[in-house]
């Protein structure tokens, strides 16, 4: 006796149905966004933990003084003033 094939039935539904969590493709699709969320949280944690300290205007002027003197010296050829 031959088995008749229903033309409306697709070839993918011939076997027993599995629950969604046993289908490997579901885990492949869900793992992409999950990895991105975890990477975002880790990146935010690293950014918060390694934040630089806030500099004031006075500390910026003191830190830039040698660079400005060196730049002026190379541009004019004159020695920076000695203090």
PDB file of N, CA and C in Angstrom:
ATOM      1  N   UNK A   1       0.828  -1.164   0.000  1.00  0.00           N
ATOM      2  CA  UNK A   1       0.000   0.000   0.000  1.00  0.00           C
ATOM      3  C   UNK A   1       0.884   1.244   0.000  1.00  0.00           C
ATOM      4  N   UNK A   2       0.657   2.165  -0.898  1.00  0.00           N
ATOM      5  CA  UNK A   2       1.485   3.355  -0.994  1.00  0.00           C
ATOM      6  C   UNK A   2       0.908   4.466  -0.124  1.00  0.00           C
ATOM      7  N   UNK A   3       1.812   5.248   0.370  1.00  0.00           N
ATOM      8  CA  UNK A   3       1.417   6.358   1.234  1.00  0.00           C
ATOM      9  C   UNK A   3       1.120   7.574   0.361  1.00  0.00           C
ATOM     10  N   UNK A   4      -0.009   8.192   0.552  1.00  0.00           N
ATOM     11  CA  UNK A   4      -0.349   9.373  -0.237  1.00  0.00           C
ATOM     12  C   UNK A   4       0.237  10.608   0.444  1.00  0.00           C
ATOM     13  N   UNK A   5       0.719  11.517  -0.387  1.00  0.00           N
ATOM     14  CA  UNK A   5       1.346  12.733   0.122  1.00  0.00           C
ATOM     15  C   UNK A   5       0.379  13.886  -0.066  1.00  0.00           C
ATOM     16  N   UNK A   6       0.152  14.591   1.002  1.00  0.00           N
ATOM     17  CA  UNK A   6      -0.702  15.758   0.955  1.00  0.00           C
ATOM     18  C   UNK A   6       0.114  16.919   0.384  1.00  0.00           C
ATOM     19  N   UNK A   7      -0.276  17.544  -0.727  1.00  0.00           N
ATOM     20  CA  UNK A   7       0.531  18.628  -1.298  1.00  0.00           C
ATOM     21  C   UNK A   7       0.597  19.860  -0.410  1.00  0.00           C
ATOM     22  N   UNK A   8      -0.310  20.016   0.511  1.00  0.00           N
ATOM     23  CA  UNK A   8      -0.282  21.169   1.410  1.00  0.00           C
ATOM     24  C   UNK A   8       0.673  20.959   2.588  1.00  0.00           C
ATOM     25  N   UNK A   9       1.102  19.743   2.796  1.00  0.00           N
ATOM     26  CA  UNK A   9       1.977  19.442   3.928  1.00  0.00           C
ATOM     27  C   UNK A   9       3.431  19.601   3.476  1.00  0.00           C
ATOM     28  N   UNK A  10       4.207  20.392   4.178  1.00  0.00           N
ATOM     29  CA  UNK A  10       5.597  20.594   3.783  1.00  0.00           C
ATOM     30  C   UNK A  10       6.444  19.414   4.219  1.00  0.00           C
ATOM     31  N   UNK A  11       7.616  19.302   3.638  1.00  0.00           N
ATOM     32  CA  UNK A  11       8.508  18.186   3.963  1.00  0.00           C
ATOM     33  C   UNK A  11       9.143  18.360   5.335  1.00  0.00           C
ATOM     34  N   UNK A  12       9.082  19.562   5.911  1.00  0.00           N
ATOM     35  CA  UNK A  12       9.693  19.801   7.208  1.00  0.00           C
ATOM     36  C   UNK A  12       8.850  19.290   8.372  1.00  0.00           C
ATOM     37  N   UNK A  13       7.612  19.002   8.155  1.00  0.00           N
ATOM     38  CA  UNK A  13       6.749  18.591   9.258  1.00  0.00           C
ATOM     39  C   UNK A  13       6.487  17.092   9.257  1.00  0.00           C
ATOM     40  N   UNK A  14       7.395  16.303   8.700  1.00  0.00           N
ATOM     41  CA  UNK A  14       7.151  14.859   8.628  1.00  0.00           C
ATOM     42  C   UNK A  14       7.489  14.131   9.921  1.00  0.00           C
ATOM     43  N   UNK A  15       8.436  14.634  10.715  1.00  0.00           N
ATOM     44  CA  UNK A  15       8.850  13.941  11.930  1.00  0.00           C
ATOM     45  C   UNK A  15       8.082  14.417  13.140  1.00  0.00           C
ATOM     46  N   UNK A  16       8.402  13.821  14.273  1.00  0.00           N
ATOM     47  CA  UNK A  16       7.752  14.280  15.514  1.00  0.00           C
ATOM     48  C   UNK A  16       8.216  15.691  15.854  1.00  0.00           C
ATOM     49  N   UNK A  17       7.329  16.459  16.414  1.00  0.00           N
ATOM     50  CA  UNK A  17       7.654  17.849  16.756  1.00  0.00           C
ATOM     51  C   UNK A  17       8.501  17.889  18.012  1.00  0.00           C
ATOM     52  N   UNK A  18       9.544  18.731  17.977  1.00  0.00           N
ATOM     53  CA  UNK A  18      10.421  18.893  19.134  1.00  0.00           C
ATOM     54  C   UNK A  18      10.077  20.214  19.813  1.00  0.00           C
ATOM     55  N   UNK A  19      10.317  20.304  21.116  1.00  0.00           N
ATOM     56  CA  UNK A  19      10.139  21.595  21.779  1.00  0.00           C
ATOM     57  C   UNK A  19      11.177  22.589  21.249  1.00  0.00           C
ATOM     58  N   UNK A  20      10.877  23.880  21.354  1.00  0.00           N
ATOM     59  CA  UNK A  20      11.728  24.893  20.749  1.00  0.00           C
ATOM     60  C   UNK A  20      13.136  24.903  21.320  1.00  0.00           C
ATOM     61  N   UNK A  21      13.312  24.546  22.584  1.00  0.00           N
ATOM     62  CA  UNK A  21      14.630  24.612  23.189  1.00  0.00           C
ATOM     63  C   UNK A  21      15.542  23.466  22.758  1.00  0.00           C
ATOM     64  N   UNK A  22      15.003  22.497  22.048  1.00  0.00           N
ATOM     65  CA  UNK A  22      15.833  21.403  21.548  1.00  0.00           C
ATOM     66  C   UNK A  22      16.260  21.595  20.095  1.00  0.00           C
ATOM     67  N   UNK A  23      15.854  22.678  19.500  1.00  0.00           N
ATOM     68  CA  UNK A  23      16.231  22.959  18.122  1.00  0.00           C
ATOM     69  C   UNK A  23      17.524  23.780  18.147  1.00  0.00           C
ATOM     70  N   UNK A  24      18.614  23.285  17.537  1.00  0.00           N
ATOM     71  CA  UNK A  24      19.897  24.007  17.612  1.00  0.00           C
ATOM     72  C   UNK A  24      19.867  25.399  16.976  1.00  0.00           C
ATOM     73  N   UNK A  25      19.093  25.594  15.948  1.00  0.00           N
ATOM     74  CA  UNK A  25      19.050  26.885  15.272  1.00  0.00           C
ATOM     75  C   UNK A  25      18.493  27.978  16.195  1.00  0.00           C
ATOM     76  N   UNK A  26      17.596  27.620  17.088  1.00  0.00           N
ATOM     77  CA  UNK A  26      17.044  28.602  18.027  1.00  0.00           C
ATOM     78  C   UNK A  26      18.155  29.145  18.917  1.00  0.00           C
ATOM     79  N   UNK A  27      19.035  28.274  19.401  1.00  0.00           N
ATOM     80  CA  UNK A  27      20.121  28.706  20.271  1.00  0.00           C
ATOM     81  C   UNK A  27      21.138  29.545  19.502  1.00  0.00           C
ATOM     82  N   UNK A  28      21.335  29.227  18.234  1.00  0.00           N
ATOM     83  CA  UNK A  28      22.233  30.033  17.420  1.00  0.00           C
ATOM     84  C   UNK A  28      21.671  31.441  17.229  1.00  0.00           C
ATOM     85  N   UNK A  29      20.377  31.542  16.995  1.00  0.00           N
ATOM     86  CA  UNK A  29      19.742  32.846  16.795  1.00  0.00           C
ATOM     87  C   UNK A  29      19.705  33.645  18.096  1.00  0.00           C
ATOM     88  N   UNK A  30      19.427  33.016  19.217  1.00  0.00           N
ATOM     89  CA  UNK A  30      19.341  33.718  20.500  1.00  0.00           C
ATOM     90  C   UNK A  30      20.704  34.072  21.080  1.00  0.00           C
ATOM     91  N   UNK A  31      21.744  33.323  20.727  1.00  0.00           N
ATOM     92  CA  UNK A  31      23.054  33.577  21.327  1.00  0.00           C
ATOM     93  C   UNK A  31      23.683  34.867  20.795  1.00  0.00           C
ATOM     94  N   UNK A  32      23.391  35.280  19.582  1.00  0.00           N
ATOM     95  CA  UNK A  32      23.958  36.518  19.038  1.00  0.00           C
ATOM     96  C   UNK A  32      23.589  37.738  19.865  1.00  0.00           C
ATOM     97  N   UNK A  33      22.299  38.033  20.019  1.00  0.00           N
ATOM     98  CA  UNK A  33      21.930  39.186  20.854  1.00  0.00           C
ATOM     99  C   UNK A  33      22.355  39.040  22.313  1.00  0.00           C
ATOM    100  N   UNK A  34      22.365  37.818  22.830  1.00  0.00           N
ATOM    101  CA  UNK A  34      22.786  37.622  24.226  1.00  0.00           C
ATOM    102  C   UNK A  34      24.257  37.986  24.398  1.00  0.00           C
ATOM    103  N   UNK A  35      25.097  37.609  23.438  1.00  0.00           N
ATOM    104  CA  UNK A  35      26.520  37.947  23.514  1.00  0.00           C
ATOM    105  C   UNK A  35      26.711  39.460  23.423  1.00  0.00           C
ATOM    106  N   UNK A  36      25.931  40.130  22.592  1.00  0.00           N
ATOM    107  CA  UNK A  36      26.040  41.578  22.455  1.00  0.00           C
ATOM    108  C   UNK A  36      25.640  42.284  23.757  1.00  0.00           C
ATOM    109  N   UNK A  37      24.609  41.818  24.412  1.00  0.00           N
ATOM    110  CA  UNK A  37      24.178  42.422  25.679  1.00  0.00           C
ATOM    111  C   UNK A  37      25.253  42.236  26.744  1.00  0.00           C
ATOM    112  N   UNK A  38      25.820  41.049  26.839  1.00  0.00           N
ATOM    113  CA  UNK A  38      26.871  40.793  27.828  1.00  0.00           C
ATOM    114  C   UNK A  38      28.093  41.655  27.527  1.00  0.00           C
ATOM    115  N   UNK A  39      28.473  41.761  26.254  1.00  0.00           N
ATOM    116  CA  UNK A  39      29.626  42.595  25.890  1.00  0.00           C
ATOM    117  C   UNK A  39      29.370  44.067  26.218  1.00  0.00           C
ATOM    118  N   UNK A  40      28.140  44.537  26.043  1.00  0.00           N
ATOM    119  CA  UNK A  40      27.811  45.919  26.393  1.00  0.00           C
ATOM    120  C   UNK A  40      27.914  46.174  27.878  1.00  0.00           C
ATOM    121  N   UNK A  41      27.453  45.233  28.678  1.00  0.00           N
ATOM    122  CA  UNK A  41      27.538  45.384  30.132  1.00  0.00           C
ATOM    123  C   UNK A  41      28.993  45.373  30.579  1.00  0.00           C
ATOM    124  N   UNK A  42      29.796  44.481  30.018  1.00  0.00           N
ATOM    125  CA  UNK A  42      31.218  44.420  30.374  1.00  0.00           C
ATOM    126  C   UNK A  42      31.926  45.704  29.957  1.00  0.00           C
ATOM    127  N   UNK A  43      31.621  46.216  28.783  1.00  0.00           N
ATOM    128  CA  UNK A  43      32.230  47.462  28.321  1.00  0.00           C
ATOM    129  C   UNK A  43      31.849  48.632  29.222  1.00  0.00           C
ATOM    130  N   UNK A  44      30.599  48.703  29.622  1.00  0.00           N
ATOM    131  CA  UNK A  44      30.164  49.771  30.527  1.00  0.00           C
ATOM    132  C   UNK A  44      30.868  49.660  31.870  1.00  0.00           C
ATOM    133  N   UNK A  45      31.029  48.454  32.374  1.00  0.00           N
ATOM    134  CA  UNK A  45      31.702  48.246  33.663  1.00  0.00           C
ATOM    135  C   UNK A  45      33.165  48.676  33.572  1.00  0.00           C
ATOM    136  N   UNK A  46      33.833  48.314  32.468  1.00  0.00           N
ATOM    137  CA  UNK A  46      35.234  48.715  32.297  1.00  0.00           C
ATOM    138  C   UNK A  46      35.332  50.239  32.196  1.00  0.00           C
ATOM    139  N   UNK A  47      34.412  50.872  31.485  1.00  0.00           N
ATOM    140  CA  UNK A  47      34.449  52.327  31.330  1.00  0.00           C
ATOM    141  C   UNK A  47      34.224  53.036  32.653  1.00  0.00           C
ATOM    142  N   UNK A  48      33.330  52.522  33.471  1.00  0.00           N
ATOM    143  CA  UNK A  48      33.044  53.157  34.763  1.00  0.00           C
ATOM    144  C   UNK A  48      34.204  52.951  35.730  1.00  0.00           C
ATOM    145  N   UNK A  49      34.773  51.755  35.774  1.00  0.00           N
ATOM    146  CA  UNK A  49      35.864  51.457  36.697  1.00  0.00           C
ATOM    147  C   UNK A  49      37.158  52.173  36.311  1.00  0.00           C
ATOM    148  N   UNK A  50      37.389  52.369  35.021  1.00  0.00           N
ATOM    149  CA  UNK A  50      38.640  52.968  34.578  1.00  0.00           C
ATOM    150  C   UNK A  50      38.500  54.416  34.179  1.00  0.00           C
ATOM    151  N   UNK A  51      37.513  55.109  34.724  1.00  0.00           N
ATOM    152  CA  UNK A  51      37.293  56.511  34.351  1.00  0.00           C
ATOM    153  C   UNK A  51      38.449  57.375  34.843  1.00  0.00           C
ATOM    154  N   UNK A  52      38.868  58.290  34.002  1.00  0.00           N
ATOM    155  CA  UNK A  52      39.931  59.212  34.383  1.00  0.00           C
ATOM    156  C   UNK A  52      39.396  60.246  35.367  1.00  0.00           C
ATOM    157  N   UNK A  53      40.321  60.822  36.129  1.00  0.00           N
ATOM    158  CA  UNK A  53      39.916  61.852  37.078  1.00  0.00           C
ATOM    159  C   UNK A  53      39.668  63.163  36.329  1.00  0.00           C
ATOM    160  N   UNK A  54      38.814  63.990  36.888  1.00  0.00           N
ATOM    161  CA  UNK A  54      38.480  65.259  36.287  1.00  0.00           C
ATOM    162  C   UNK A  54      39.581  66.261  36.617  1.00  0.00           C
ATOM    163  N   UNK A  55      40.067  66.960  35.602  1.00  0.00           N
ATOM    164  CA  UNK A  55      41.120  67.945  35.801  1.00  0.00           C
ATOM    165  C   UNK A  55      40.511  69.333  35.907  1.00  0.00           C
ATOM    166  N   UNK A  56      41.105  70.137  36.748  1.00  0.00           N
ATOM    167  CA  UNK A  56      40.658  71.526  36.868  1.00  0.00           C
ATOM    168  C   UNK A  56      41.429  72.381  35.863  1.00  0.00           C
ATOM    169  N   UNK A  57      41.013  73.614  35.707  1.00  0.00           N
ATOM    170  CA  UNK A  57      41.677  74.516  34.767  1.00  0.00           C
ATOM    171  C   UNK A  57      43.114  74.790  35.200  1.00  0.00           C
ATOM    172  N   UNK A  58      43.339  74.888  36.484  1.00  0.00           N
ATOM    173  CA  UNK A  58      44.696  75.158  36.982  1.00  0.00           C
ATOM    174  C   UNK A  58      45.628  73.986  36.715  1.00  0.00           C
ATOM    175  N   UNK A  59      45.166  72.784  36.934  1.00  0.00           N
ATOM    176  CA  UNK A  59      46.023  71.615  36.709  1.00  0.00           C
ATOM    177  C   UNK A  59      46.303  71.418  35.226  1.00  0.00           C
ATOM    178  N   UNK A  60      45.368  71.796  34.345  1.00  0.00           N
ATOM    179  CA  UNK A  60      45.608  71.702  32.908  1.00  0.00           C
ATOM    180  C   UNK A  60      46.678  72.696  32.473  1.00  0.00           C
ATOM    181  N   UNK A  61      46.672  73.893  33.050  1.00  0.00           N
ATOM    182  CA  UNK A  61      47.675  74.891  32.688  1.00  0.00           C
ATOM    183  C   UNK A  61      49.060  74.436  33.119  1.00  0.00           C
ATOM    184  N   UNK A  62      49.167  73.850  34.309  1.00  0.00           N
ATOM    185  CA  UNK A  62      50.459  73.370  34.791  1.00  0.00           C
ATOM    186  C   UNK A  62      50.952  72.195  33.953  1.00  0.00           C
ATOM    187  N   UNK A  63      50.063  71.336  33.539  1.00  0.00           N
ATOM    188  CA  UNK A  63      50.460  70.169  32.765  1.00  0.00           C
ATOM    189  C   UNK A  63      50.892  70.553  31.356  1.00  0.00           C
ATOM    190  N   UNK A  64      50.328  71.607  30.794  1.00  0.00           N
ATOM    191  CA  UNK A  64      50.642  71.999  29.428  1.00  0.00           C
ATOM    192  C   UNK A  64      51.841  72.942  29.354  1.00  0.00           C
ATOM    193  N   UNK A  65      52.312  73.449  30.455  1.00  0.00           N
ATOM    194  CA  UNK A  65      53.381  74.445  30.425  1.00  0.00           C
ATOM    195  C   UNK A  65      54.632  73.919  29.726  1.00  0.00           C
ATOM    196  N   UNK A  66      55.164  72.733  30.018  1.00  0.00           N
ATOM    197  CA  UNK A  66      56.362  72.285  29.296  1.00  0.00           C
ATOM    198  C   UNK A  66      56.124  72.131  27.796  1.00  0.00           C
ATOM    199  N   UNK A  67      54.959  71.695  27.401  1.00  0.00           N
ATOM    200  CA  UNK A  67      54.674  71.533  25.983  1.00  0.00           C
ATOM    201  C   UNK A  67      54.618  72.885  25.291  1.00  0.00           C
ATOM    202  N   UNK A  68      54.003  73.855  25.930  1.00  0.00           N
ATOM    203  CA  UNK A  68      53.928  75.189  25.340  1.00  0.00           C
ATOM    204  C   UNK A  68      55.310  75.823  25.239  1.00  0.00           C
ATOM    205  N   UNK A  69      56.139  75.654  26.268  1.00  0.00           N
ATOM    206  CA  UNK A  69      57.491  76.215  26.227  1.00  0.00           C
ATOM    207  C   UNK A  69      58.309  75.547  25.127  1.00  0.00           C
ATOM    208  N   UNK A  70      58.176  74.255  24.983  1.00  0.00           N
ATOM    209  CA  UNK A  70      58.903  73.541  23.928  1.00  0.00           C
ATOM    210  C   UNK A  70      58.433  73.964  22.552  1.00  0.00           C
ATOM    211  N   UNK A  71      57.166  74.146  22.388  1.00  0.00           N
ATOM    212  CA  UNK A  71      56.637  74.586  21.100  1.00  0.00           C
ATOM    213  C   UNK A  71      57.130  75.982  20.774  1.00  0.00           C
ATOM    214  N   UNK A  72      57.065  76.881  21.743  1.00  0.00           N
ATOM    215  CA  UNK A  72      57.526  78.248  21.514  1.00  0.00           C
ATOM    216  C   UNK A  72      59.028  78.277  21.225  1.00  0.00           C
ATOM    217  N   UNK A  73      59.781  77.451  21.906  1.00  0.00           N
ATOM    218  CA  UNK A  73      61.220  77.399  21.693  1.00  0.00           C
ATOM    219  C   UNK A  73      61.538  76.909  20.283  1.00  0.00           C
ATOM    220  N   UNK A  74      60.838  75.895  19.821  1.00  0.00           N
ATOM    221  CA  UNK A  74      61.121  75.375  18.485  1.00  0.00           C
ATOM    222  C   UNK A  74      60.663  76.349  17.406  1.00  0.00           C
ATOM    223  N   UNK A  75      59.648  77.142  17.681  1.00  0.00           N
ATOM    224  CA  UNK A  75      59.146  78.080  16.684  1.00  0.00           C
ATOM    225  C   UNK A  75      60.024  79.336  16.593  1.00  0.00           C
ATOM    226  N   UNK A  76      60.564  79.802  17.723  1.00  0.00           N
ATOM    227  CA  UNK A  76      61.316  81.062  17.721  1.00  0.00           C
ATOM    228  C   UNK A  76      62.821  80.849  17.771  1.00  0.00           C
ATOM    229  N   UNK A  77      63.259  79.720  18.278  1.00  0.00           N
ATOM    230  CA  UNK A  77      64.691  79.482  18.412  1.00  0.00           C
ATOM    231  C   UNK A  77      65.272  80.061  19.670  1.00  0.00           C
ATOM    232  N   UNK A  78      64.461  80.695  20.476  1.00  0.00           N
ATOM    233  CA  UNK A  78      64.935  81.289  21.729  1.00  0.00           C
ATOM    234  C   UNK A  78      64.761  80.279  22.858  1.00  0.00           C
ATOM    235  N   UNK A  79      65.622  80.391  23.827  1.00  0.00           N
ATOM    236  CA  UNK A  79      65.545  79.506  24.992  1.00  0.00           C
ATOM    237  C   UNK A  79      64.377  79.950  25.878  1.00  0.00           C
ATOM    238  N   UNK A  80      63.690  79.019  26.507  1.00  0.00           N
ATOM    239  CA  UNK A  80      62.595  79.409  27.409  1.00  0.00           C
ATOM    240  C   UNK A  80      63.162  80.124  28.629  1.00  0.00           C
ATOM    241  N   UNK A  81      62.371  81.001  29.229  1.00  0.00           N
ATOM    242  CA  UNK A  81      62.886  81.733  30.409  1.00  0.00           C
ATOM    243  C   UNK A  81      63.147  80.791  31.559  1.00  0.00           C
ATOM    244  N   UNK A  82      64.213  81.051  32.269  1.00  0.00           N
ATOM    245  CA  UNK A  82      64.578  80.232  33.419  1.00  0.00           C
ATOM    246  C   UNK A  82      63.941  80.841  34.649  1.00  0.00           C
ATOM    247  N   UNK A  83      63.369  80.030  35.480  1.00  0.00           N
ATOM    248  CA  UNK A  83      62.724  80.515  36.695  1.00  0.00           C
ATOM    249  C   UNK A  83      63.406  80.002  37.890  1.00  0.00           C
TER     250      UNK A  83
END
